[in-house]
């Protein structure tokens, strides 16, 4: 009976090595999951900031009014514009017209995705594509005078394309609005 008890005590080296290997795989999986969660958080923060930048641009141009967006203040999309240093390249849609300058902005978030506090700063560059006057032109005429008496632009469509750098990619969103 004493011999039988000796064989049943404790764990063998094989059991301990298997348990260590299983725990190691679980630890690596948890680290991978945490890294993916951090990347998702940073990607979402970047996109939310881009949406805020685009909406601020639309609101600002709306406050200035439609008179600030005349055709004379626009460039065709095919005009080469180089972004400033540190900002990603953000192309406009072919055939569209844009404001002469880029809109540059940045957002900073305080965060602690790891053991160390740090700030996350994202630089955004926005291209504002604007419809031409002729797309939203209203003509009023006088039957009495048999002429066109007035022409006016009653609205402008804006497509604000915002780009930012995320790792090695340059994601972009486009937010549309109408100024009346």
C-alpha atoms as a PDB file:
ATOM      1  CA  UNK A   1       0.000   0.000   0.000  1.00  0.00           C
ATOM      2  CA  UNK A   2       2.870   2.394   0.686  1.00  0.00           C
ATOM      3  CA  UNK A   3       4.203   1.868  -2.838  1.00  0.00           C
ATOM      4  CA  UNK A   4       0.863   2.813  -4.357  1.00  0.00           C
ATOM      5  CA  UNK A   5       0.705   6.150  -2.500  1.00  0.00           C
ATOM      6  CA  UNK A   6       4.183   7.090  -3.676  1.00  0.00           C
ATOM      7  CA  UNK A   7       3.126   6.795  -7.310  1.00  0.00           C
ATOM      8  CA  UNK A   8       0.010   8.974  -6.859  1.00  0.00           C
ATOM      9  CA  UNK A   9       1.608  12.045  -5.195  1.00  0.00           C
ATOM     10  CA  UNK A  10       2.165  15.390  -7.094  1.00  0.00           C
ATOM     11  CA  UNK A  11       2.418  16.227 -10.765  1.00  0.00           C
ATOM     12  CA  UNK A  12       4.831  14.824 -13.245  1.00  0.00           C
ATOM     13  CA  UNK A  13       7.167  16.919 -15.333  1.00  0.00           C
ATOM     14  CA  UNK A  14       5.128  16.228 -18.487  1.00  0.00           C
ATOM     15  CA  UNK A  15       1.922  17.559 -16.899  1.00  0.00           C
ATOM     16  CA  UNK A  16       3.715  20.716 -15.708  1.00  0.00           C
ATOM     17  CA  UNK A  17       5.206  21.360 -19.165  1.00  0.00           C
ATOM     18  CA  UNK A  18       1.841  20.896 -20.883  1.00  0.00           C
ATOM     19  CA  UNK A  19       0.152  23.258 -18.412  1.00  0.00           C
ATOM     20  CA  UNK A  20       2.902  25.868 -18.967  1.00  0.00           C
ATOM     21  CA  UNK A  21       2.523  25.566 -22.753  1.00  0.00           C
ATOM     22  CA  UNK A  22      -1.269  25.997 -22.551  1.00  0.00           C
ATOM     23  CA  UNK A  23      -0.902  29.045 -20.295  1.00  0.00           C
ATOM     24  CA  UNK A  24       1.690  30.483 -22.678  1.00  0.00           C
ATOM     25  CA  UNK A  25      -0.674  30.141 -25.654  1.00  0.00           C
ATOM     26  CA  UNK A  26      -3.477  31.778 -23.661  1.00  0.00           C
ATOM     27  CA  UNK A  27      -1.192  34.654 -22.660  1.00  0.00           C
ATOM     28  CA  UNK A  28      -0.130  35.258 -26.281  1.00  0.00           C
ATOM     29  CA  UNK A  29      -3.794  35.173 -27.378  1.00  0.00           C
ATOM     30  CA  UNK A  30      -4.730  37.733 -24.708  1.00  0.00           C
ATOM     31  CA  UNK A  31      -1.879  40.029 -25.758  1.00  0.00           C
ATOM     32  CA  UNK A  32      -2.988  39.765 -29.385  1.00  0.00           C
ATOM     33  CA  UNK A  33      -6.577  40.527 -28.389  1.00  0.00           C
ATOM     34  CA  UNK A  34      -5.448  43.558 -26.352  1.00  0.00           C
ATOM     35  CA  UNK A  35      -3.384  44.873 -29.275  1.00  0.00           C
ATOM     36  CA  UNK A  36      -6.367  44.490 -31.619  1.00  0.00           C
ATOM     37  CA  UNK A  37      -8.611  46.316 -29.140  1.00  0.00           C
ATOM     38  CA  UNK A  38      -6.097  49.158 -28.884  1.00  0.00           C
ATOM     39  CA  UNK A  39      -5.897  49.469 -32.677  1.00  0.00           C
ATOM     40  CA  UNK A  40      -9.701  49.486 -32.930  1.00  0.00           C
ATOM     41  CA  UNK A  41      -9.901  52.223 -30.289  1.00  0.00           C
ATOM     42  CA  UNK A  42      -7.315  54.367 -32.095  1.00  0.00           C
ATOM     43  CA  UNK A  43      -9.041  53.831 -35.456  1.00  0.00           C
ATOM     44  CA  UNK A  44     -12.423  54.821 -34.000  1.00  0.00           C
ATOM     45  CA  UNK A  45     -10.968  57.899 -32.316  1.00  0.00           C
ATOM     46  CA  UNK A  46      -9.354  58.927 -35.603  1.00  0.00           C
ATOM     47  CA  UNK A  47     -12.612  58.512 -37.523  1.00  0.00           C
ATOM     48  CA  UNK A  48     -14.625  60.373 -34.876  1.00  0.00           C
ATOM     49  CA  UNK A  49     -12.149  63.243 -35.006  1.00  0.00           C
ATOM     50  CA  UNK A  50     -12.392  63.329 -38.808  1.00  0.00           C
ATOM     51  CA  UNK A  51     -16.185  63.494 -38.604  1.00  0.00           C
ATOM     52  CA  UNK A  52     -15.926  66.373 -36.137  1.00  0.00           C
ATOM     53  CA  UNK A  53     -13.459  68.232 -38.383  1.00  0.00           C
ATOM     54  CA  UNK A  54     -15.726  67.799 -41.432  1.00  0.00           C
ATOM     55  CA  UNK A  55     -18.828  68.942 -39.575  1.00  0.00           C
ATOM     56  CA  UNK A  56     -16.989  71.986 -38.186  1.00  0.00           C
ATOM     57  CA  UNK A  57     -15.951  72.963 -41.726  1.00  0.00           C
ATOM     58  CA  UNK A  58     -19.515  72.630 -43.023  1.00  0.00           C
ATOM     59  CA  UNK A  59     -20.859  74.642 -40.082  1.00  0.00           C
ATOM     60  CA  UNK A  60     -18.226  77.365 -40.567  1.00  0.00           C
ATOM     61  CA  UNK A  61     -18.907  77.703 -44.284  1.00  0.00           C
ATOM     62  CA  UNK A  62     -22.629  77.696 -43.608  1.00  0.00           C
ATOM     63  CA  UNK A  63     -22.167  80.549 -41.136  1.00  0.00           C
ATOM     64  CA  UNK A  64     -20.195  82.530 -43.743  1.00  0.00           C
ATOM     65  CA  UNK A  65     -23.000  82.076 -46.224  1.00  0.00           C
ATOM     66  CA  UNK A  66     -23.307  81.083 -49.820  1.00  0.00           C
ATOM     67  CA  UNK A  67     -21.709  84.302 -51.091  1.00  0.00           C
ATOM     68  CA  UNK A  68     -18.329  83.125 -49.772  1.00  0.00           C
ATOM     69  CA  UNK A  69     -18.357  80.107 -52.121  1.00  0.00           C
ATOM     70  CA  UNK A  70     -18.539  81.724 -55.547  1.00  0.00           C
ATOM     71  CA  UNK A  71     -16.973  80.017 -58.552  1.00  0.00           C
ATOM     72  CA  UNK A  72     -14.077  82.521 -58.556  1.00  0.00           C
ATOM     73  CA  UNK A  73     -12.888  81.111 -55.240  1.00  0.00           C
ATOM     74  CA  UNK A  74     -12.697  77.538 -56.523  1.00  0.00           C
ATOM     75  CA  UNK A  75     -10.019  75.527 -58.335  1.00  0.00           C
ATOM     76  CA  UNK A  76     -10.609  72.530 -60.568  1.00  0.00           C
ATOM     77  CA  UNK A  77      -9.729  69.257 -58.892  1.00  0.00           C
ATOM     78  CA  UNK A  78      -6.855  68.523 -61.269  1.00  0.00           C
ATOM     79  CA  UNK A  79      -4.761  71.434 -59.946  1.00  0.00           C
ATOM     80  CA  UNK A  80      -1.774  69.964 -58.094  1.00  0.00           C
ATOM     81  CA  UNK A  81      -1.797  70.869 -54.436  1.00  0.00           C
ATOM     82  CA  UNK A  82       0.898  69.516 -52.186  1.00  0.00           C
ATOM     83  CA  UNK A  83      -0.002  69.105 -48.532  1.00  0.00           C
ATOM     84  CA  UNK A  84       2.233  70.649 -45.876  1.00  0.00           C
ATOM     85  CA  UNK A  85       4.898  68.548 -44.174  1.00  0.00           C
ATOM     86  CA  UNK A  86       3.483  66.024 -41.720  1.00  0.00           C
ATOM     87  CA  UNK A  87       0.026  65.829 -43.309  1.00  0.00           C
ATOM     88  CA  UNK A  88      -1.198  62.976 -45.510  1.00  0.00           C
ATOM     89  CA  UNK A  89      -2.158  63.439 -49.139  1.00  0.00           C
ATOM     90  CA  UNK A  90      -5.916  63.755 -49.642  1.00  0.00           C
ATOM     91  CA  UNK A  91      -7.073  63.673 -53.256  1.00  0.00           C
ATOM     92  CA  UNK A  92     -10.321  65.183 -54.474  1.00  0.00           C
ATOM     93  CA  UNK A  93     -12.819  63.529 -56.781  1.00  0.00           C
ATOM     94  CA  UNK A  94     -12.124  63.946 -60.491  1.00  0.00           C
ATOM     95  CA  UNK A  95     -14.264  66.587 -62.171  1.00  0.00           C
ATOM     96  CA  UNK A  96     -15.046  68.441 -58.962  1.00  0.00           C
ATOM     97  CA  UNK A  97     -14.041  71.927 -57.827  1.00  0.00           C
ATOM     98  CA  UNK A  98     -12.389  72.629 -54.500  1.00  0.00           C
ATOM     99  CA  UNK A  99     -11.558  75.551 -52.269  1.00  0.00           C
ATOM    100  CA  UNK A 100      -8.138  76.949 -53.138  1.00  0.00           C
ATOM    101  CA  UNK A 101      -6.572  75.877 -49.824  1.00  0.00           C
ATOM    102  CA  UNK A 102      -6.561  72.769 -47.702  1.00  0.00           C
ATOM    103  CA  UNK A 103      -8.095  72.907 -44.264  1.00  0.00           C
ATOM    104  CA  UNK A 104      -5.611  71.647 -41.671  1.00  0.00           C
ATOM    105  CA  UNK A 105      -6.634  70.578 -38.193  1.00  0.00           C
ATOM    106  CA  UNK A 106      -5.526  68.240 -35.440  1.00  0.00           C
ATOM    107  CA  UNK A 107      -7.108  66.557 -32.444  1.00  0.00           C
ATOM    108  CA  UNK A 108      -5.406  65.335 -29.274  1.00  0.00           C
ATOM    109  CA  UNK A 109      -6.779  62.727 -26.895  1.00  0.00           C
ATOM    110  CA  UNK A 110      -5.394  61.850 -23.517  1.00  0.00           C
ATOM    111  CA  UNK A 111      -5.264  58.136 -23.082  1.00  0.00           C
ATOM    112  CA  UNK A 112      -3.828  55.220 -21.257  1.00  0.00           C
ATOM    113  CA  UNK A 113      -4.077  52.170 -23.484  1.00  0.00           C
ATOM    114  CA  UNK A 114      -0.976  50.792 -21.745  1.00  0.00           C
ATOM    115  CA  UNK A 115       0.809  51.200 -18.458  1.00  0.00           C
ATOM    116  CA  UNK A 116       2.064  54.681 -19.414  1.00  0.00           C
ATOM    117  CA  UNK A 117      -0.060  57.832 -19.855  1.00  0.00           C
ATOM    118  CA  UNK A 118       0.373  59.459 -23.235  1.00  0.00           C
ATOM    119  CA  UNK A 119      -1.358  61.815 -25.654  1.00  0.00           C
ATOM    120  CA  UNK A 120      -2.581  60.749 -29.071  1.00  0.00           C
ATOM    121  CA  UNK A 121      -2.472  63.499 -31.684  1.00  0.00           C
ATOM    122  CA  UNK A 122      -3.937  63.022 -35.146  1.00  0.00           C
ATOM    123  CA  UNK A 123      -3.329  65.515 -37.958  1.00  0.00           C
ATOM    124  CA  UNK A 124      -6.212  65.936 -40.398  1.00  0.00           C
ATOM    125  CA  UNK A 125      -6.224  67.469 -43.849  1.00  0.00           C
ATOM    126  CA  UNK A 126      -9.534  68.311 -45.494  1.00  0.00           C
ATOM    127  CA  UNK A 127     -10.409  68.996 -49.104  1.00  0.00           C
ATOM    128  CA  UNK A 128     -13.661  70.909 -49.598  1.00  0.00           C
ATOM    129  CA  UNK A 129     -15.378  70.098 -52.890  1.00  0.00           C
ATOM    130  CA  UNK A 130     -18.065  72.638 -53.836  1.00  0.00           C
ATOM    131  CA  UNK A 131     -20.742  72.523 -56.536  1.00  0.00           C
ATOM    132  CA  UNK A 132     -20.590  75.150 -59.265  1.00  0.00           C
ATOM    133  CA  UNK A 133     -23.000  78.084 -59.375  1.00  0.00           C
ATOM    134  CA  UNK A 134     -24.747  76.738 -62.469  1.00  0.00           C
ATOM    135  CA  UNK A 135     -25.790  73.564 -60.613  1.00  0.00           C
ATOM    136  CA  UNK A 136     -28.069  75.502 -58.259  1.00  0.00           C
ATOM    137  CA  UNK A 137     -28.972  78.583 -60.307  1.00  0.00           C
ATOM    138  CA  UNK A 138     -32.531  79.908 -60.226  1.00  0.00           C
ATOM    139  CA  UNK A 139     -33.799  82.264 -62.894  1.00  0.00           C
ATOM    140  CA  UNK A 140     -36.790  84.482 -62.464  1.00  0.00           C
ATOM    141  CA  UNK A 141     -38.346  86.078 -65.459  1.00  0.00           C
ATOM    142  CA  UNK A 142     -40.906  88.716 -66.144  1.00  0.00           C
ATOM    143  CA  UNK A 143     -43.597  87.940 -68.659  1.00  0.00           C
ATOM    144  CA  UNK A 144     -44.458  91.617 -68.720  1.00  0.00           C
ATOM    145  CA  UNK A 145     -40.938  92.602 -69.807  1.00  0.00           C
ATOM    146  CA  UNK A 146     -40.343  89.321 -71.682  1.00  0.00           C
ATOM    147  CA  UNK A 147     -36.830  88.970 -70.187  1.00  0.00           C
ATOM    148  CA  UNK A 148     -34.959  87.208 -67.475  1.00  0.00           C
ATOM    149  CA  UNK A 149     -34.971  89.676 -64.624  1.00  0.00           C
ATOM    150  CA  UNK A 150     -32.813  87.938 -62.051  1.00  0.00           C
ATOM    151  CA  UNK A 151     -30.537  84.982 -61.504  1.00  0.00           C
ATOM    152  CA  UNK A 152     -29.362  83.797 -58.144  1.00  0.00           C
ATOM    153  CA  UNK A 153     -27.710  80.777 -56.595  1.00  0.00           C
ATOM    154  CA  UNK A 154     -30.034  79.320 -53.996  1.00  0.00           C
ATOM    155  CA  UNK A 155     -27.760  76.573 -52.616  1.00  0.00           C
ATOM    156  CA  UNK A 156     -24.310  75.002 -52.765  1.00  0.00           C
ATOM    157  CA  UNK A 157     -23.444  71.385 -52.150  1.00  0.00           C
ATOM    158  CA  UNK A 158     -20.322  70.669 -50.106  1.00  0.00           C
ATOM    159  CA  UNK A 159     -18.420  67.403 -49.944  1.00  0.00           C
ATOM    160  CA  UNK A 160     -15.746  67.594 -47.270  1.00  0.00           C
ATOM    161  CA  UNK A 161     -13.160  64.828 -47.599  1.00  0.00           C
ATOM    162  CA  UNK A 162     -11.001  64.426 -44.496  1.00  0.00           C
ATOM    163  CA  UNK A 163      -7.856  62.277 -44.498  1.00  0.00           C
ATOM    164  CA  UNK A 164      -5.503  61.268 -41.688  1.00  0.00           C
ATOM    165  CA  UNK A 165      -2.593  58.898 -41.143  1.00  0.00           C
ATOM    166  CA  UNK A 166      -3.232  55.612 -39.320  1.00  0.00           C
ATOM    167  CA  UNK A 167      -0.221  53.320 -39.244  1.00  0.00           C
ATOM    168  CA  UNK A 168       0.784  52.868 -42.897  1.00  0.00           C
ATOM    169  CA  UNK A 169      -2.697  53.615 -44.297  1.00  0.00           C
ATOM    170  CA  UNK A 170      -4.435  56.898 -45.084  1.00  0.00           C
ATOM    171  CA  UNK A 171      -8.126  56.473 -44.248  1.00  0.00           C
ATOM    172  CA  UNK A 172     -10.623  59.075 -45.440  1.00  0.00           C
ATOM    173  CA  UNK A 173     -14.231  59.993 -44.864  1.00  0.00           C
ATOM    174  CA  UNK A 174     -16.499  62.273 -46.876  1.00  0.00           C
ATOM    175  CA  UNK A 175     -19.267  64.276 -45.222  1.00  0.00           C
ATOM    176  CA  UNK A 176     -21.786  66.101 -47.411  1.00  0.00           C
ATOM    177  CA  UNK A 177     -23.857  69.146 -46.663  1.00  0.00           C
ATOM    178  CA  UNK A 178     -25.902  71.832 -48.361  1.00  0.00           C
ATOM    179  CA  UNK A 179     -25.611  75.557 -47.725  1.00  0.00           C
ATOM    180  CA  UNK A 180     -28.655  77.600 -48.579  1.00  0.00           C
END
